[in-house]
Amino acid sequence: AYYEMLEERLPGHGEPLDEMRSRGILVDGTTEGGEARLLLQIFSANMVGPAFFEFIQRKKDEGFGEGNFQALFESIERDQVARGIVSDEASQE
């Protein structure tokens, strides 16, 4: 659901959606004003115990991927509504 919501969140972002999805790359930033300012973000598997690496590519964006946390939460919520696990009304609260 995260990748289905990407065009809604960042219209005209210009990133290859299928490639982002297949590699698990998250996209954050803004496309306001017609210019895409993006941050590409991916996490490694746990390397030593619970430690992992975060890889970021900045494309004119100086953020830290804050929008991805909200987008991931919303995509999980939409998926649960679609599967009938939670009602749409419950997800609005």
C-alpha atoms as a PDB file:
ATOM      1  CA  ALA A   1       0.000   0.000   0.000  1.00  0.00           C
ATOM      2  CA  TYR A   2       2.965   2.357   0.634  1.00  0.00           C
ATOM      3  CA  TYR A   3       3.932   2.441  -3.046  1.00  0.00           C
ATOM      4  CA  GLU A   4       0.305   2.795  -4.215  1.00  0.00           C
ATOM      5  CA  MET A   5       0.085   5.957  -2.064  1.00  0.00           C
ATOM      6  CA  LEU A   6       3.357   7.430  -3.341  1.00  0.00           C
ATOM      7  CA  GLU A   7       1.914   9.283  -6.339  1.00  0.00           C
ATOM      8  CA  GLU A   8      -0.800  10.704  -4.072  1.00  0.00           C
ATOM      9  CA  ARG A   9       1.807  11.898  -1.535  1.00  0.00           C
ATOM     10  CA  LEU A  10       4.417  13.116  -4.034  1.00  0.00           C
ATOM     11  CA  PRO A  11       2.682  13.766  -7.374  1.00  0.00           C
ATOM     12  CA  GLY A  12       5.121  13.890 -10.283  1.00  0.00           C
ATOM     13  CA  HIS A  13       8.050  12.571  -8.226  1.00  0.00           C
ATOM     14  CA  GLY A  14       9.594  10.981 -11.352  1.00  0.00           C
ATOM     15  CA  GLU A  15      11.107   7.932  -9.639  1.00  0.00           C
ATOM     16  CA  PRO A  16      10.645   4.459 -11.220  1.00  0.00           C
ATOM     17  CA  LEU A  17       7.958   3.029  -8.933  1.00  0.00           C
ATOM     18  CA  ASP A  18       8.478  -0.647  -9.839  1.00  0.00           C
ATOM     19  CA  GLU A  19      12.204  -0.357  -9.156  1.00  0.00           C
ATOM     20  CA  MET A  20      11.648   1.442  -5.843  1.00  0.00           C
ATOM     21  CA  ARG A  21       9.153  -1.225  -4.769  1.00  0.00           C
ATOM     22  CA  SER A  22      11.316  -4.203  -5.806  1.00  0.00           C
ATOM     23  CA  ARG A  23      14.311  -2.829  -3.896  1.00  0.00           C
ATOM     24  CA  GLY A  24      12.354  -1.599  -0.861  1.00  0.00           C
ATOM     25  CA  ILE A  25      13.454   2.003  -1.371  1.00  0.00           C
ATOM     26  CA  LEU A  26      11.309   4.595   0.400  1.00  0.00           C
ATOM     27  CA  VAL A  27      10.752   8.031  -1.146  1.00  0.00           C
ATOM     28  CA  ASP A  28      10.180  11.220   0.848  1.00  0.00           C
ATOM     29  CA  GLY A  29      10.354  14.944   0.194  1.00  0.00           C
ATOM     30  CA  THR A  30       8.169  17.344  -1.718  1.00  0.00           C
ATOM     31  CA  THR A  31       7.105  18.086  -5.278  1.00  0.00           C
ATOM     32  CA  GLU A  32       5.516  21.445  -4.472  1.00  0.00           C
ATOM     33  CA  GLY A  33       6.184  24.159  -6.995  1.00  0.00           C
ATOM     34  CA  GLY A  34       6.777  21.640  -9.775  1.00  0.00           C
ATOM     35  CA  GLU A  35      10.308  20.758  -8.630  1.00  0.00           C
ATOM     36  CA  ALA A  36      10.940  17.383  -7.010  1.00  0.00           C
ATOM     37  CA  ARG A  37      13.094  17.623  -3.889  1.00  0.00           C
ATOM     38  CA  LEU A  38      13.410  14.010  -2.817  1.00  0.00           C
ATOM     39  CA  LEU A  39      15.113  11.768  -0.318  1.00  0.00           C
ATOM     40  CA  LEU A  40      15.529   8.079  -1.168  1.00  0.00           C
ATOM     41  CA  GLN A  41      15.868   5.848   1.891  1.00  0.00           C
ATOM     42  CA  ILE A  42      16.586   2.156   2.440  1.00  0.00           C
ATOM     43  CA  PHE A  43      17.534   0.104   5.492  1.00  0.00           C
ATOM     44  CA  SER A  44      19.890  -2.875   5.622  1.00  0.00           C
ATOM     45  CA  ALA A  45      19.109  -6.100   7.411  1.00  0.00           C
ATOM     46  CA  ASN A  46      20.392  -6.335  10.989  1.00  0.00           C
ATOM     47  CA  MET A  47      24.167  -6.601  10.790  1.00  0.00           C
ATOM     48  CA  VAL A  48      25.341  -7.119  14.385  1.00  0.00           C
ATOM     49  CA  GLY A  49      22.563  -7.857  16.858  1.00  0.00           C
ATOM     50  CA  PRO A  50      19.898  -5.202  16.381  1.00  0.00           C
ATOM     51  CA  ALA A  51      22.257  -2.768  14.579  1.00  0.00           C
ATOM     52  CA  PHE A  52      21.464  -1.917  10.951  1.00  0.00           C
ATOM     53  CA  PHE A  53      22.461   0.700   8.400  1.00  0.00           C
ATOM     54  CA  GLU A  54      20.298   3.379   6.836  1.00  0.00           C
ATOM     55  CA  PHE A  55      21.269   4.557   3.359  1.00  0.00           C
ATOM     56  CA  ILE A  56      20.014   7.926   2.117  1.00  0.00           C
ATOM     57  CA  GLN A  57      20.329   9.572  -1.270  1.00  0.00           C
ATOM     58  CA  ARG A  58      19.449  13.245  -1.210  1.00  0.00           C
ATOM     59  CA  LYS A  59      18.010  14.726  -4.365  1.00  0.00           C
ATOM     60  CA  LYS A  60      17.765  18.405  -3.353  1.00  0.00           C
ATOM     61  CA  ASP A  61      16.080  17.443  -0.046  1.00  0.00           C
ATOM     62  CA  GLU A  62      17.713  18.027   3.335  1.00  0.00           C
ATOM     63  CA  GLY A  63      15.165  16.136   5.464  1.00  0.00           C
ATOM     64  CA  PHE A  64      15.571  12.863   7.291  1.00  0.00           C
ATOM     65  CA  GLY A  65      12.651  10.876   5.855  1.00  0.00           C
ATOM     66  CA  GLU A  66      10.160  12.047   8.480  1.00  0.00           C
ATOM     67  CA  GLY A  67       7.281  11.728   6.012  1.00  0.00           C
ATOM     68  CA  ASN A  68       8.028   8.034   5.510  1.00  0.00           C
ATOM     69  CA  PHE A  69       7.071   7.155   9.086  1.00  0.00           C
ATOM     70  CA  GLN A  70       3.603   8.652   8.624  1.00  0.00           C
ATOM     71  CA  ALA A  71       3.269   7.171   5.123  1.00  0.00           C
ATOM     72  CA  LEU A  72       4.233   3.680   6.331  1.00  0.00           C
ATOM     73  CA  PHE A  73       1.720   3.898   9.182  1.00  0.00           C
ATOM     74  CA  GLU A  74      -1.041   5.058   6.813  1.00  0.00           C
ATOM     75  CA  SER A  75      -0.240   2.313   4.295  1.00  0.00           C
ATOM     76  CA  ILE A  76      -0.467  -0.361   7.009  1.00  0.00           C
ATOM     77  CA  GLU A  77      -3.771   1.146   8.122  1.00  0.00           C
ATOM     78  CA  ARG A  78      -5.172   1.162   4.546  1.00  0.00           C
ATOM     79  CA  ASP A  79      -4.059  -2.433   4.041  1.00  0.00           C
ATOM     80  CA  GLN A  80      -5.811  -3.505   7.246  1.00  0.00           C
ATOM     81  CA  VAL A  81      -9.016  -1.731   6.193  1.00  0.00           C
ATOM     82  CA  ALA A  82      -8.843  -3.387   2.747  1.00  0.00           C
ATOM     83  CA  ARG A  83      -8.437  -6.815   4.363  1.00  0.00           C
ATOM     84  CA  GLY A  84     -11.311  -6.154   6.787  1.00  0.00           C
ATOM     85  CA  ILE A  85      -9.120  -6.306   9.884  1.00  0.00           C
ATOM     86  CA  VAL A  86     -10.129  -2.808  10.972  1.00  0.00           C
ATOM     87  CA  SER A  87     -13.109  -0.720   9.975  1.00  0.00           C
ATOM     88  CA  ASP A  88     -12.607   2.497   8.038  1.00  0.00           C
ATOM     89  CA  GLU A  89     -14.216   4.441  10.908  1.00  0.00           C
ATOM     90  CA  ALA A  90     -11.693   3.038  13.413  1.00  0.00           C
ATOM     91  CA  SER A  91      -8.791   4.145  11.221  1.00  0.00           C
ATOM     92  CA  GLN A  92     -10.085   7.745  11.224  1.00  0.00           C
ATOM     93  CA  GLU A  93      -9.848   8.089  15.022  1.00  0.00           C
END
